[in-house]
């Protein structure tokens, strides 16, 4: 299965945070699953670091190296993601999450997220 990690799931996985559920961890570590993260998540992380709202255990450079070493692929933003996003109702206000939801739906990916607001859209959520 193809899985798309929400921003918090990515951080918790790469930093070994206990907030990541066992089900989510199993899905991410399953070698049969292909793992993705949205470029929007990386943008969100960089913004939050620069605003002082997020600190990682290591530098962003090392975090991104670990992402690559963990065989997590970066999903770019495409026109089809933007077109679907433009049709969404505003159940969820976070622009990064809305884009991740649009990517998950468009690409038929299972999204790994603790955010139950994702379920307000036609998305397959795993936690």
PDB file of N, CA and C in Angstrom:
ATOM      1  N   UNK A   1       0.845  -1.172   0.000  1.00  0.00           N
ATOM      2  CA  UNK A   1       0.000   0.000   0.000  1.00  0.00           C
ATOM      3  C   UNK A   1       0.889   1.234   0.000  1.00  0.00           C
ATOM      4  N   UNK A   2       0.401   2.302  -0.587  1.00  0.00           N
ATOM      5  CA  UNK A   2       1.094   3.584  -0.586  1.00  0.00           C
ATOM      6  C   UNK A   2       0.570   4.415   0.572  1.00  0.00           C
ATOM      7  N   UNK A   3       1.482   4.916   1.392  1.00  0.00           N
ATOM      8  CA  UNK A   3       1.063   5.708   2.547  1.00  0.00           C
ATOM      9  C   UNK A   3       1.684   7.102   2.473  1.00  0.00           C
ATOM     10  N   UNK A   4       0.911   8.072   2.939  1.00  0.00           N
ATOM     11  CA  UNK A   4       1.331   9.466   2.975  1.00  0.00           C
ATOM     12  C   UNK A   4       1.332   9.910   4.426  1.00  0.00           C
ATOM     13  N   UNK A   5       2.491  10.286   4.919  1.00  0.00           N
ATOM     14  CA  UNK A   5       2.614  10.683   6.318  1.00  0.00           C
ATOM     15  C   UNK A   5       2.237  12.144   6.498  1.00  0.00           C
ATOM     16  N   UNK A   6       1.346  12.407   7.443  1.00  0.00           N
ATOM     17  CA  UNK A   6       1.063  13.776   7.844  1.00  0.00           C
ATOM     18  C   UNK A   6       2.320  14.316   8.528  1.00  0.00           C
ATOM     19  N   UNK A   7       2.409  15.616   8.655  1.00  0.00           N
ATOM     20  CA  UNK A   7       3.616  16.252   9.188  1.00  0.00           C
ATOM     21  C   UNK A   7       3.989  15.731  10.568  1.00  0.00           C
ATOM     22  N   UNK A   8       3.018  15.670  11.475  1.00  0.00           N
ATOM     23  CA  UNK A   8       3.338  15.207  12.835  1.00  0.00           C
ATOM     24  C   UNK A   8       3.766  13.744  12.834  1.00  0.00           C
ATOM     25  N   UNK A   9       3.166  12.930  11.974  1.00  0.00           N
ATOM     26  CA  UNK A   9       3.533  11.513  11.904  1.00  0.00           C
ATOM     27  C   UNK A   9       4.976  11.363  11.424  1.00  0.00           C
ATOM     28  N   UNK A  10       5.366  12.178  10.460  1.00  0.00           N
ATOM     29  CA  UNK A  10       6.744  12.153   9.972  1.00  0.00           C
ATOM     30  C   UNK A  10       7.720  12.516  11.084  1.00  0.00           C
ATOM     31  N   UNK A  11       7.437  13.615  11.776  1.00  0.00           N
ATOM     32  CA  UNK A  11       8.331  14.059  12.850  1.00  0.00           C
ATOM     33  C   UNK A  11       8.414  12.998  13.937  1.00  0.00           C
ATOM     34  N   UNK A  12       7.270  12.502  14.366  1.00  0.00           N
ATOM     35  CA  UNK A  12       7.258  11.509  15.444  1.00  0.00           C
ATOM     36  C   UNK A  12       7.985  10.236  15.032  1.00  0.00           C
ATOM     37  N   UNK A  13       7.845   9.827  13.763  1.00  0.00           N
ATOM     38  CA  UNK A  13       8.533   8.627  13.293  1.00  0.00           C
ATOM     39  C   UNK A  13      10.047   8.835  13.282  1.00  0.00           C
ATOM     40  N   UNK A  14      10.497   9.911  12.651  1.00  0.00           N
ATOM     41  CA  UNK A  14      11.939  10.123  12.517  1.00  0.00           C
ATOM     42  C   UNK A  14      12.613  10.440  13.841  1.00  0.00           C
ATOM     43  N   UNK A  15      11.855  10.972  14.796  1.00  0.00           N
ATOM     44  CA  UNK A  15      12.444  11.303  16.094  1.00  0.00           C
ATOM     45  C   UNK A  15      12.156  10.248  17.158  1.00  0.00           C
ATOM     46  N   UNK A  16      11.507   9.155  16.769  1.00  0.00           N
ATOM     47  CA  UNK A  16      11.237   8.074  17.712  1.00  0.00           C
ATOM     48  C   UNK A  16      10.319   8.479  18.847  1.00  0.00           C
ATOM     49  N   UNK A  17       9.383   9.357  18.559  1.00  0.00           N
ATOM     50  CA  UNK A  17       8.472   9.884  19.577  1.00  0.00           C
ATOM     51  C   UNK A  17       7.387   8.860  19.907  1.00  0.00           C
ATOM     52  N   UNK A  18       7.129   8.685  21.192  1.00  0.00           N
ATOM     53  CA  UNK A  18       6.133   7.714  21.663  1.00  0.00           C
ATOM     54  C   UNK A  18       4.705   8.121  21.313  1.00  0.00           C
ATOM     55  N   UNK A  19       4.492   9.336  20.833  1.00  0.00           N
ATOM     56  CA  UNK A  19       3.146   9.761  20.429  1.00  0.00           C
ATOM     57  C   UNK A  19       2.662   9.041  19.174  1.00  0.00           C
ATOM     58  N   UNK A  20       3.590   8.481  18.408  1.00  0.00           N
ATOM     59  CA  UNK A  20       3.215   7.740  17.207  1.00  0.00           C
ATOM     60  C   UNK A  20       2.575   6.424  17.634  1.00  0.00           C
ATOM     61  N   UNK A  21       1.380   6.156  17.134  1.00  0.00           N
ATOM     62  CA  UNK A  21       0.675   4.931  17.530  1.00  0.00           C
ATOM     63  C   UNK A  21       1.395   3.691  17.009  1.00  0.00           C
ATOM     64  N   UNK A  22       1.137   2.561  17.665  1.00  0.00           N
ATOM     65  CA  UNK A  22       1.723   1.287  17.216  1.00  0.00           C
ATOM     66  C   UNK A  22       1.264   0.949  15.804  1.00  0.00           C
ATOM     67  N   UNK A  23      -0.028   1.175  15.511  1.00  0.00           N
ATOM     68  CA  UNK A  23      -0.552   0.892  14.172  1.00  0.00           C
ATOM     69  C   UNK A  23       0.152   1.731  13.113  1.00  0.00           C
ATOM     70  N   UNK A  24       0.356   3.013  13.419  1.00  0.00           N
ATOM     71  CA  UNK A  24       1.038   3.895  12.474  1.00  0.00           C
ATOM     72  C   UNK A  24       2.484   3.447  12.279  1.00  0.00           C
ATOM     73  N   UNK A  25       3.161   3.133  13.372  1.00  0.00           N
ATOM     74  CA  UNK A  25       4.553   2.686  13.300  1.00  0.00           C
ATOM     75  C   UNK A  25       4.678   1.413  12.468  1.00  0.00           C
ATOM     76  N   UNK A  26       3.781   0.465  12.679  1.00  0.00           N
ATOM     77  CA  UNK A  26       3.807  -0.783  11.906  1.00  0.00           C
ATOM     78  C   UNK A  26       3.623  -0.512  10.417  1.00  0.00           C
ATOM     79  N   UNK A  27       2.695   0.382  10.077  1.00  0.00           N
ATOM     80  CA  UNK A  27       2.452   0.701   8.667  1.00  0.00           C
ATOM     81  C   UNK A  27       3.676   1.356   8.035  1.00  0.00           C
ATOM     82  N   UNK A  28       4.315   2.254   8.773  1.00  0.00           N
ATOM     83  CA  UNK A  28       5.491   2.955   8.251  1.00  0.00           C
ATOM     84  C   UNK A  28       6.672   2.000   8.103  1.00  0.00           C
ATOM     85  N   UNK A  29       6.847   1.107   9.058  1.00  0.00           N
ATOM     86  CA  UNK A  29       7.991   0.185   9.026  1.00  0.00           C
ATOM     87  C   UNK A  29       7.773  -1.023   8.119  1.00  0.00           C
ATOM     88  N   UNK A  30       6.548  -1.255   7.676  1.00  0.00           N
ATOM     89  CA  UNK A  30       6.245  -2.383   6.805  1.00  0.00           C
ATOM     90  C   UNK A  30       6.933  -2.178   5.451  1.00  0.00           C
ATOM     91  N   UNK A  31       7.842  -3.068   5.122  1.00  0.00           N
ATOM     92  CA  UNK A  31       8.631  -2.953   3.886  1.00  0.00           C
ATOM     93  C   UNK A  31       7.779  -3.077   2.626  1.00  0.00           C
ATOM     94  N   UNK A  32       6.568  -3.633   2.758  1.00  0.00           N
ATOM     95  CA  UNK A  32       5.684  -3.756   1.605  1.00  0.00           C
ATOM     96  C   UNK A  32       4.992  -2.437   1.265  1.00  0.00           C
ATOM     97  N   UNK A  33       5.009  -1.495   2.199  1.00  0.00           N
ATOM     98  CA  UNK A  33       4.369  -0.201   1.980  1.00  0.00           C
ATOM     99  C   UNK A  33       5.374   0.793   1.413  1.00  0.00           C
ATOM    100  N   UNK A  34       4.927   1.555   0.437  1.00  0.00           N
ATOM    101  CA  UNK A  34       5.761   2.631  -0.103  1.00  0.00           C
ATOM    102  C   UNK A  34       5.372   3.910   0.629  1.00  0.00           C
ATOM    103  N   UNK A  35       6.371   4.598   1.183  1.00  0.00           N
ATOM    104  CA  UNK A  35       6.129   5.743   2.055  1.00  0.00           C
ATOM    105  C   UNK A  35       6.396   7.056   1.328  1.00  0.00           C
ATOM    106  N   UNK A  36       5.487   8.022   1.569  1.00  0.00           N
ATOM    107  CA  UNK A  36       5.611   9.349   0.982  1.00  0.00           C
ATOM    108  C   UNK A  36       5.383  10.410   2.046  1.00  0.00           C
ATOM    109  N   UNK A  37       5.951  11.576   1.799  1.00  0.00           N
ATOM    110  CA  UNK A  37       5.644  12.773   2.575  1.00  0.00           C
ATOM    111  C   UNK A  37       5.470  13.906   1.566  1.00  0.00           C
ATOM    112  N   UNK A  38       4.504  14.754   1.818  1.00  0.00           N
ATOM    113  CA  UNK A  38       4.267  15.883   0.931  1.00  0.00           C
ATOM    114  C   UNK A  38       5.375  16.917   1.079  1.00  0.00           C
ATOM    115  N   UNK A  39       5.751  17.518  -0.022  1.00  0.00           N
ATOM    116  CA  UNK A  39       6.684  18.638   0.037  1.00  0.00           C
ATOM    117  C   UNK A  39       6.097  19.744   0.912  1.00  0.00           C
ATOM    118  N   UNK A  40       4.772  19.808   0.997  1.00  0.00           N
ATOM    119  CA  UNK A  40       4.112  20.799   1.857  1.00  0.00           C
ATOM    120  C   UNK A  40       4.457  20.567   3.327  1.00  0.00           C
ATOM    121  N   UNK A  41       4.623  19.315   3.732  1.00  0.00           N
ATOM    122  CA  UNK A  41       5.013  19.020   5.116  1.00  0.00           C
ATOM    123  C   UNK A  41       6.406  19.549   5.412  1.00  0.00           C
ATOM    124  N   UNK A  42       7.303  19.401   4.453  1.00  0.00           N
ATOM    125  CA  UNK A  42       8.664  19.892   4.653  1.00  0.00           C
ATOM    126  C   UNK A  42       8.677  21.417   4.712  1.00  0.00           C
ATOM    127  N   UNK A  43       7.836  22.033   3.904  1.00  0.00           N
ATOM    128  CA  UNK A  43       7.682  23.489   3.928  1.00  0.00           C
ATOM    129  C   UNK A  43       7.134  23.925   5.290  1.00  0.00           C
ATOM    130  N   UNK A  44       6.114  23.215   5.769  1.00  0.00           N
ATOM    131  CA  UNK A  44       5.522  23.522   7.074  1.00  0.00           C
ATOM    132  C   UNK A  44       6.568  23.417   8.192  1.00  0.00           C
ATOM    133  N   UNK A  45       7.367  22.369   8.155  1.00  0.00           N
ATOM    134  CA  UNK A  45       8.409  22.181   9.173  1.00  0.00           C
ATOM    135  C   UNK A  45       9.403  23.342   9.136  1.00  0.00           C
ATOM    136  N   UNK A  46       9.847  23.717   7.945  1.00  0.00           N
ATOM    137  CA  UNK A  46      10.812  24.811   7.809  1.00  0.00           C
ATOM    138  C   UNK A  46      10.231  26.125   8.331  1.00  0.00           C
ATOM    139  N   UNK A  47       8.974  26.386   8.022  1.00  0.00           N
ATOM    140  CA  UNK A  47       8.322  27.609   8.501  1.00  0.00           C
ATOM    141  C   UNK A  47       8.242  27.609  10.019  1.00  0.00           C
ATOM    142  N   UNK A  48       7.799  26.493  10.593  1.00  0.00           N
ATOM    143  CA  UNK A  48       7.647  26.431  12.052  1.00  0.00           C
ATOM    144  C   UNK A  48       8.990  26.544  12.770  1.00  0.00           C
ATOM    145  N   UNK A  49      10.038  25.991  12.191  1.00  0.00           N
ATOM    146  CA  UNK A  49      11.373  26.137  12.782  1.00  0.00           C
ATOM    147  C   UNK A  49      11.787  27.611  12.763  1.00  0.00           C
ATOM    148  N   UNK A  50      11.592  28.266  11.618  1.00  0.00           N
ATOM    149  CA  UNK A  50      12.019  29.668  11.494  1.00  0.00           C
ATOM    150  C   UNK A  50      11.219  30.599  12.398  1.00  0.00           C
ATOM    151  N   UNK A  51       9.978  30.226  12.718  1.00  0.00           N
ATOM    152  CA  UNK A  51       9.143  31.030  13.617  1.00  0.00           C
ATOM    153  C   UNK A  51       9.366  30.688  15.088  1.00  0.00           C
ATOM    154  N   UNK A  52      10.180  29.669  15.336  1.00  0.00           N
ATOM    155  CA  UNK A  52      10.426  29.250  16.712  1.00  0.00           C
ATOM    156  C   UNK A  52       9.297  28.424  17.310  1.00  0.00           C
ATOM    157  N   UNK A  53       8.419  27.881  16.457  1.00  0.00           N
ATOM    158  CA  UNK A  53       7.287  27.074  16.930  1.00  0.00           C
ATOM    159  C   UNK A  53       7.581  25.577  16.923  1.00  0.00           C
ATOM    160  N   UNK A  54       8.749  25.206  16.405  1.00  0.00           N
ATOM    161  CA  UNK A  54       9.129  23.799  16.333  1.00  0.00           C
ATOM    162  C   UNK A  54      10.637  23.694  16.480  1.00  0.00           C
ATOM    163  N   UNK A  55      11.054  22.738  17.266  1.00  0.00           N
ATOM    164  CA  UNK A  55      12.482  22.419  17.323  1.00  0.00           C
ATOM    165  C   UNK A  55      12.619  20.912  17.148  1.00  0.00           C
ATOM    166  N   UNK A  56      13.570  20.537  16.340  1.00  0.00           N
ATOM    167  CA  UNK A  56      13.850  19.131  16.087  1.00  0.00           C
ATOM    168  C   UNK A  56      15.022  18.700  16.954  1.00  0.00           C
ATOM    169  N   UNK A  57      15.172  17.395  17.122  1.00  0.00           N
ATOM    170  CA  UNK A  57      16.298  16.879  17.904  1.00  0.00           C
ATOM    171  C   UNK A  57      17.632  17.229  17.251  1.00  0.00           C
ATOM    172  N   UNK A  58      17.643  17.254  15.918  1.00  0.00           N
ATOM    173  CA  UNK A  58      18.844  17.581  15.150  1.00  0.00           C
ATOM    174  C   UNK A  58      18.515  18.715  14.189  1.00  0.00           C
ATOM    175  N   UNK A  59      19.486  19.107  13.394  1.00  0.00           N
ATOM    176  CA  UNK A  59      19.266  20.164  12.404  1.00  0.00           C
ATOM    177  C   UNK A  59      18.289  19.685  11.331  1.00  0.00           C
ATOM    178  N   UNK A  60      17.730  20.640  10.609  1.00  0.00           N
ATOM    179  CA  UNK A  60      16.830  20.291   9.512  1.00  0.00           C
ATOM    180  C   UNK A  60      17.574  19.480   8.457  1.00  0.00           C
ATOM    181  N   UNK A  61      18.829  19.810   8.208  1.00  0.00           N
ATOM    182  CA  UNK A  61      19.640  19.045   7.248  1.00  0.00           C
ATOM    183  C   UNK A  61      19.700  17.566   7.626  1.00  0.00           C
ATOM    184  N   UNK A  62      20.002  17.291   8.884  1.00  0.00           N
ATOM    185  CA  UNK A  62      20.086  15.900   9.345  1.00  0.00           C
ATOM    186  C   UNK A  62      18.720  15.228   9.317  1.00  0.00           C
ATOM    187  N   UNK A  63      17.682  15.971   9.655  1.00  0.00           N
ATOM    188  CA  UNK A  63      16.316  15.451   9.608  1.00  0.00           C
ATOM    189  C   UNK A  63      15.984  15.001   8.184  1.00  0.00           C
ATOM    190  N   UNK A  64      16.323  15.833   7.203  1.00  0.00           N
ATOM    191  CA  UNK A  64      16.033  15.498   5.807  1.00  0.00           C
ATOM    192  C   UNK A  64      16.888  14.333   5.317  1.00  0.00           C
ATOM    193  N   UNK A  65      18.119  14.240   5.792  1.00  0.00           N
ATOM    194  CA  UNK A  65      18.958  13.081   5.457  1.00  0.00           C
ATOM    195  C   UNK A  65      18.334  11.797   5.995  1.00  0.00           C
ATOM    196  N   UNK A  66      17.836  11.869   7.221  1.00  0.00           N
ATOM    197  CA  UNK A  66      17.197  10.697   7.821  1.00  0.00           C
ATOM    198  C   UNK A  66      15.934  10.312   7.060  1.00  0.00           C
ATOM    199  N   UNK A  67      15.214  11.297   6.560  1.00  0.00           N
ATOM    200  CA  UNK A  67      14.024  11.039   5.749  1.00  0.00           C
ATOM    201  C   UNK A  67      14.406  10.208   4.524  1.00  0.00           C
ATOM    202  N   UNK A  68      15.448  10.620   3.837  1.00  0.00           N
ATOM    203  CA  UNK A  68      15.912   9.903   2.644  1.00  0.00           C
ATOM    204  C   UNK A  68      16.391   8.504   3.015  1.00  0.00           C
ATOM    205  N   UNK A  69      17.155   8.389   4.094  1.00  0.00           N
ATOM    206  CA  UNK A  69      17.663   7.089   4.538  1.00  0.00           C
ATOM    207  C   UNK A  69      16.537   6.147   4.959  1.00  0.00           C
ATOM    208  N   UNK A  70      15.410   6.703   5.360  1.00  0.00           N
ATOM    209  CA  UNK A  70      14.256   5.898   5.778  1.00  0.00           C
ATOM    210  C   UNK A  70      13.394   5.485   4.596  1.00  0.00           C
ATOM    211  N   UNK A  71      13.863   5.773   3.380  1.00  0.00           N
ATOM    212  CA  UNK A  71      13.156   5.405   2.154  1.00  0.00           C
ATOM    213  C   UNK A  71      11.768   6.040   2.087  1.00  0.00           C
ATOM    214  N   UNK A  72      11.693   7.293   2.517  1.00  0.00           N
ATOM    215  CA  UNK A  72      10.453   8.065   2.417  1.00  0.00           C
ATOM    216  C   UNK A  72      10.605   8.995   1.217  1.00  0.00           C
ATOM    217  N   UNK A  73       9.678   8.892   0.281  1.00  0.00           N
ATOM    218  CA  UNK A  73       9.730   9.661  -0.956  1.00  0.00           C
ATOM    219  C   UNK A  73       8.999  10.989  -0.778  1.00  0.00           C
ATOM    220  N   UNK A  74       9.502  12.011  -1.434  1.00  0.00           N
ATOM    221  CA  UNK A  74       8.872  13.327  -1.360  1.00  0.00           C
ATOM    222  C   UNK A  74       7.859  13.451  -2.490  1.00  0.00           C
ATOM    223  N   UNK A  75       6.613  13.746  -2.111  1.00  0.00           N
ATOM    224  CA  UNK A  75       5.523  13.893  -3.079  1.00  0.00           C
ATOM    225  C   UNK A  75       5.394  15.365  -3.457  1.00  0.00           C
ATOM    226  N   UNK A  76       5.639  15.702  -4.723  1.00  0.00           N
ATOM    227  CA  UNK A  76       5.493  17.101  -5.138  1.00  0.00           C
ATOM    228  C   UNK A  76       4.019  17.499  -5.225  1.00  0.00           C
ATOM    229  N   UNK A  77       3.801  18.783  -5.306  1.00  0.00           N
ATOM    230  CA  UNK A  77       2.444  19.307  -5.476  1.00  0.00           C
ATOM    231  C   UNK A  77       2.168  19.390  -6.971  1.00  0.00           C
ATOM    232  N   UNK A  78       1.027  18.847  -7.397  1.00  0.00           N
ATOM    233  CA  UNK A  78       0.676  18.887  -8.815  1.00  0.00           C
ATOM    234  C   UNK A  78      -0.601  19.709  -9.025  1.00  0.00           C
ATOM    235  N   UNK A  79      -0.856  20.012 -10.263  1.00  0.00           N
ATOM    236  CA  UNK A  79      -2.065  20.754 -10.626  1.00  0.00           C
ATOM    237  C   UNK A  79      -3.314  19.997 -10.186  1.00  0.00           C
ATOM    238  N   UNK A  80      -3.318  18.668 -10.342  1.00  0.00           N
ATOM    239  CA  UNK A  80      -4.511  17.903  -9.959  1.00  0.00           C
ATOM    240  C   UNK A  80      -4.766  17.996  -8.455  1.00  0.00           C
ATOM    241  N   UNK A  81      -3.713  18.119  -7.652  1.00  0.00           N
ATOM    242  CA  UNK A  81      -3.896  18.305  -6.202  1.00  0.00           C
ATOM    243  C   UNK A  81      -4.556  19.653  -5.928  1.00  0.00           C
ATOM    244  N   UNK A  82      -4.088  20.686  -6.622  1.00  0.00           N
ATOM    245  CA  UNK A  82      -4.624  22.040  -6.432  1.00  0.00           C
ATOM    246  C   UNK A  82      -6.077  22.113  -6.888  1.00  0.00           C
ATOM    247  N   UNK A  83      -6.388  21.471  -8.001  1.00  0.00           N
ATOM    248  CA  UNK A  83      -7.766  21.496  -8.502  1.00  0.00           C
ATOM    249  C   UNK A  83      -8.729  20.840  -7.514  1.00  0.00           C
ATOM    250  N   UNK A  84      -8.340  19.706  -6.951  1.00  0.00           N
ATOM    251  CA  UNK A  84      -9.201  19.064  -5.961  1.00  0.00           C
ATOM    252  C   UNK A  84      -9.309  19.927  -4.714  1.00  0.00           C
ATOM    253  N   UNK A  85      -8.210  20.472  -4.273  1.00  0.00           N
ATOM    254  CA  UNK A  85      -8.193  21.334  -3.094  1.00  0.00           C
ATOM    255  C   UNK A  85      -9.165  22.503  -3.251  1.00  0.00           C
ATOM    256  N   UNK A  86      -9.259  23.036  -4.452  1.00  0.00           N
ATOM    257  CA  UNK A  86     -10.137  24.186  -4.697  1.00  0.00           C
ATOM    258  C   UNK A  86     -11.617  23.842  -4.543  1.00  0.00           C
ATOM    259  N   UNK A  87     -11.943  22.560  -4.578  1.00  0.00           N
ATOM    260  CA  UNK A  87     -13.338  22.121  -4.456  1.00  0.00           C
ATOM    261  C   UNK A  87     -13.742  21.778  -3.025  1.00  0.00           C
ATOM    262  N   UNK A  88     -12.784  21.742  -2.110  1.00  0.00           N
ATOM    263  CA  UNK A  88     -13.066  21.317  -0.730  1.00  0.00           C
ATOM    264  C   UNK A  88     -13.919  22.319   0.033  1.00  0.00           C
ATOM    265  N   UNK A  89     -14.809  21.778   0.860  1.00  0.00           N
ATOM    266  CA  UNK A  89     -15.457  22.586   1.884  1.00  0.00           C
ATOM    267  C   UNK A  89     -14.415  22.872   2.959  1.00  0.00           C
ATOM    268  N   UNK A  90     -14.650  23.896   3.767  1.00  0.00           N
ATOM    269  CA  UNK A  90     -13.677  24.278   4.790  1.00  0.00           C
ATOM    270  C   UNK A  90     -13.948  23.590   6.117  1.00  0.00           C
ATOM    271  N   UNK A  91     -14.009  22.256   6.098  1.00  0.00           N
ATOM    272  CA  UNK A  91     -14.118  21.501   7.343  1.00  0.00           C
ATOM    273  C   UNK A  91     -12.827  21.651   8.145  1.00  0.00           C
ATOM    274  N   UNK A  92     -11.724  21.666   7.427  1.00  0.00           N
ATOM    275  CA  UNK A  92     -10.403  21.747   8.054  1.00  0.00           C
ATOM    276  C   UNK A  92      -9.766  23.054   7.596  1.00  0.00           C
ATOM    277  N   UNK A  93      -9.312  23.849   8.533  1.00  0.00           N
ATOM    278  CA  UNK A  93      -8.798  25.185   8.209  1.00  0.00           C
ATOM    279  C   UNK A  93      -7.300  25.221   7.885  1.00  0.00           C
ATOM    280  N   UNK A  94      -6.539  24.229   8.339  1.00  0.00           N
ATOM    281  CA  UNK A  94      -5.089  24.245   8.151  1.00  0.00           C
ATOM    282  C   UNK A  94      -4.746  24.027   6.672  1.00  0.00           C
ATOM    283  N   UNK A  95      -4.088  24.999   6.027  1.00  0.00           N
ATOM    284  CA  UNK A  95      -3.819  24.869   4.589  1.00  0.00           C
ATOM    285  C   UNK A  95      -2.877  23.715   4.246  1.00  0.00           C
ATOM    286  N   UNK A  96      -1.930  23.409   5.123  1.00  0.00           N
ATOM    287  CA  UNK A  96      -1.027  22.287   4.860  1.00  0.00           C
ATOM    288  C   UNK A  96      -1.792  20.964   4.913  1.00  0.00           C
ATOM    289  N   UNK A  97      -2.637  20.808   5.922  1.00  0.00           N
ATOM    290  CA  UNK A  97      -3.426  19.582   6.042  1.00  0.00           C
ATOM    291  C   UNK A  97      -4.396  19.433   4.882  1.00  0.00           C
ATOM    292  N   UNK A  98      -4.997  20.523   4.453  1.00  0.00           N
ATOM    293  CA  UNK A  98      -5.928  20.465   3.317  1.00  0.00           C
ATOM    294  C   UNK A  98      -5.207  19.973   2.059  1.00  0.00           C
ATOM    295  N   UNK A  99      -3.982  20.433   1.865  1.00  0.00           N
ATOM    296  CA  UNK A  99      -3.211  19.988   0.706  1.00  0.00           C
ATOM    297  C   UNK A  99      -2.836  18.517   0.838  1.00  0.00           C
ATOM    298  N   UNK A 100      -2.435  18.096   2.020  1.00  0.00           N
ATOM    299  CA  UNK A 100      -2.103  16.682   2.247  1.00  0.00           C
ATOM    300  C   UNK A 100      -3.330  15.807   1.984  1.00  0.00           C
ATOM    301  N   UNK A 101      -4.493  16.249   2.427  1.00  0.00           N
ATOM    302  CA  UNK A 101      -5.737  15.514   2.171  1.00  0.00           C
ATOM    303  C   UNK A 101      -5.981  15.410   0.665  1.00  0.00           C
ATOM    304  N   UNK A 102      -5.843  16.519  -0.055  1.00  0.00           N
ATOM    305  CA  UNK A 102      -6.047  16.512  -1.510  1.00  0.00           C
ATOM    306  C   UNK A 102      -5.065  15.565  -2.193  1.00  0.00           C
ATOM    307  N   UNK A 103      -3.827  15.555  -1.730  1.00  0.00           N
ATOM    308  CA  UNK A 103      -2.837  14.650  -2.313  1.00  0.00           C
ATOM    309  C   UNK A 103      -3.197  13.193  -2.031  1.00  0.00           C
ATOM    310  N   UNK A 104      -3.610  12.914  -0.811  1.00  0.00           N
ATOM    311  CA  UNK A 104      -3.985  11.546  -0.460  1.00  0.00           C
ATOM    312  C   UNK A 104      -5.139  11.029  -1.298  1.00  0.00           C
ATOM    313  N   UNK A 105      -6.149  11.871  -1.469  1.00  0.00           N
ATOM    314  CA  UNK A 105      -7.316  11.471  -2.260  1.00  0.00           C
ATOM    315  C   UNK A 105      -6.928  11.289  -3.723  1.00  0.00           C
ATOM    316  N   UNK A 106      -6.241  12.263  -4.281  1.00  0.00           N
ATOM    317  CA  UNK A 106      -5.876  12.230  -5.700  1.00  0.00           C
ATOM    318  C   UNK A 106      -4.993  11.031  -6.040  1.00  0.00           C
ATOM    319  N   UNK A 107      -4.039  10.739  -5.166  1.00  0.00           N
ATOM    320  CA  UNK A 107      -3.083   9.662  -5.431  1.00  0.00           C
ATOM    321  C   UNK A 107      -3.547   8.303  -4.907  1.00  0.00           C
ATOM    322  N   UNK A 108      -4.710   8.269  -4.244  1.00  0.00           N
ATOM    323  CA  UNK A 108      -5.243   7.031  -3.652  1.00  0.00           C
ATOM    324  C   UNK A 108      -4.289   6.460  -2.606  1.00  0.00           C
ATOM    325  N   UNK A 109      -3.740   7.353  -1.778  1.00  0.00           N
ATOM    326  CA  UNK A 109      -2.837   6.959  -0.703  1.00  0.00           C
ATOM    327  C   UNK A 109      -3.602   6.876   0.609  1.00  0.00           C
ATOM    328  N   UNK A 110      -3.151   6.009   1.478  1.00  0.00           N
ATOM    329  CA  UNK A 110      -3.639   5.964   2.856  1.00  0.00           C
ATOM    330  C   UNK A 110      -2.837   7.007   3.629  1.00  0.00           C
ATOM    331  N   UNK A 111      -3.531   7.867   4.368  1.00  0.00           N
ATOM    332  CA  UNK A 111      -2.841   8.916   5.115  1.00  0.00           C
ATOM    333  C   UNK A 111      -2.630   8.459   6.552  1.00  0.00           C
ATOM    334  N   UNK A 112      -1.408   8.632   7.024  1.00  0.00           N
ATOM    335  CA  UNK A 112      -1.059   8.325   8.414  1.00  0.00           C
ATOM    336  C   UNK A 112      -1.158   9.628   9.196  1.00  0.00           C
ATOM    337  N   UNK A 113      -2.202   9.742  10.017  1.00  0.00           N
ATOM    338  CA  UNK A 113      -2.413  10.969  10.782  1.00  0.00           C
ATOM    339  C   UNK A 113      -3.285  10.697  11.993  1.00  0.00           C
ATOM    340  N   UNK A 114      -3.006  11.435  13.050  1.00  0.00           N
ATOM    341  CA  UNK A 114      -3.825  11.380  14.260  1.00  0.00           C
ATOM    342  C   UNK A 114      -5.017  12.333  14.154  1.00  0.00           C
ATOM    343  N   UNK A 115      -5.002  13.207  13.166  1.00  0.00           N
ATOM    344  CA  UNK A 115      -6.000  14.266  13.010  1.00  0.00           C
ATOM    345  C   UNK A 115      -7.321  13.700  12.484  1.00  0.00           C
ATOM    346  N   UNK A 116      -8.297  13.566  13.359  1.00  0.00           N
ATOM    347  CA  UNK A 116      -9.591  12.990  12.969  1.00  0.00           C
ATOM    348  C   UNK A 116     -10.373  13.905  12.027  1.00  0.00           C
ATOM    349  N   UNK A 117      -9.996  15.169  11.910  1.00  0.00           N
ATOM    350  CA  UNK A 117     -10.667  16.067  10.965  1.00  0.00           C
ATOM    351  C   UNK A 117     -10.463  15.625   9.521  1.00  0.00           C
ATOM    352  N   UNK A 118      -9.433  14.839   9.271  1.00  0.00           N
ATOM    353  CA  UNK A 118      -9.208  14.322   7.923  1.00  0.00           C
ATOM    354  C   UNK A 118     -10.395  13.470   7.474  1.00  0.00           C
ATOM    355  N   UNK A 119     -11.059  12.835   8.426  1.00  0.00           N
ATOM    356  CA  UNK A 119     -12.181  11.948   8.101  1.00  0.00           C
ATOM    357  C   UNK A 119     -13.396  12.712   7.580  1.00  0.00           C
ATOM    358  N   UNK A 120     -13.397  14.030   7.701  1.00  0.00           N
ATOM    359  CA  UNK A 120     -14.483  14.843   7.161  1.00  0.00           C
ATOM    360  C   UNK A 120     -14.414  14.912   5.637  1.00  0.00           C
ATOM    361  N   UNK A 121     -13.331  14.408   5.085  1.00  0.00           N
ATOM    362  CA  UNK A 121     -13.133  14.330   3.639  1.00  0.00           C
ATOM    363  C   UNK A 121     -13.099  12.851   3.248  1.00  0.00           C
ATOM    364  N   UNK A 122     -13.188  12.573   1.980  1.00  0.00           N
ATOM    365  CA  UNK A 122     -13.197  11.184   1.501  1.00  0.00           C
ATOM    366  C   UNK A 122     -11.777  10.645   1.424  1.00  0.00           C
ATOM    367  N   UNK A 123     -11.188  10.432   2.589  1.00  0.00           N
ATOM    368  CA  UNK A 123      -9.804   9.992   2.641  1.00  0.00           C
ATOM    369  C   UNK A 123      -9.709   8.740   3.505  1.00  0.00           C
ATOM    370  N   UNK A 124      -8.783   7.861   3.153  1.00  0.00           N
ATOM    371  CA  UNK A 124      -8.537   6.687   3.986  1.00  0.00           C
ATOM    372  C   UNK A 124      -7.468   7.056   5.007  1.00  0.00           C
ATOM    373  N   UNK A 125      -7.840   6.993   6.272  1.00  0.00           N
ATOM    374  CA  UNK A 125      -6.961   7.409   7.360  1.00  0.00           C
ATOM    375  C   UNK A 125      -6.535   6.199   8.164  1.00  0.00           C
ATOM    376  N   UNK A 126      -5.278   6.181   8.553  1.00  0.00           N
ATOM    377  CA  UNK A 126      -4.748   5.079   9.364  1.00  0.00           C
ATOM    378  C   UNK A 126      -4.065   5.676  10.575  1.00  0.00           C
ATOM    379  N   UNK A 127      -4.422   5.205  11.755  1.00  0.00           N
ATOM    380  CA  UNK A 127      -3.748   5.618  12.975  1.00  0.00           C
ATOM    381  C   UNK A 127      -3.785   4.489  13.973  1.00  0.00           C
TER     382      UNK A 127
END
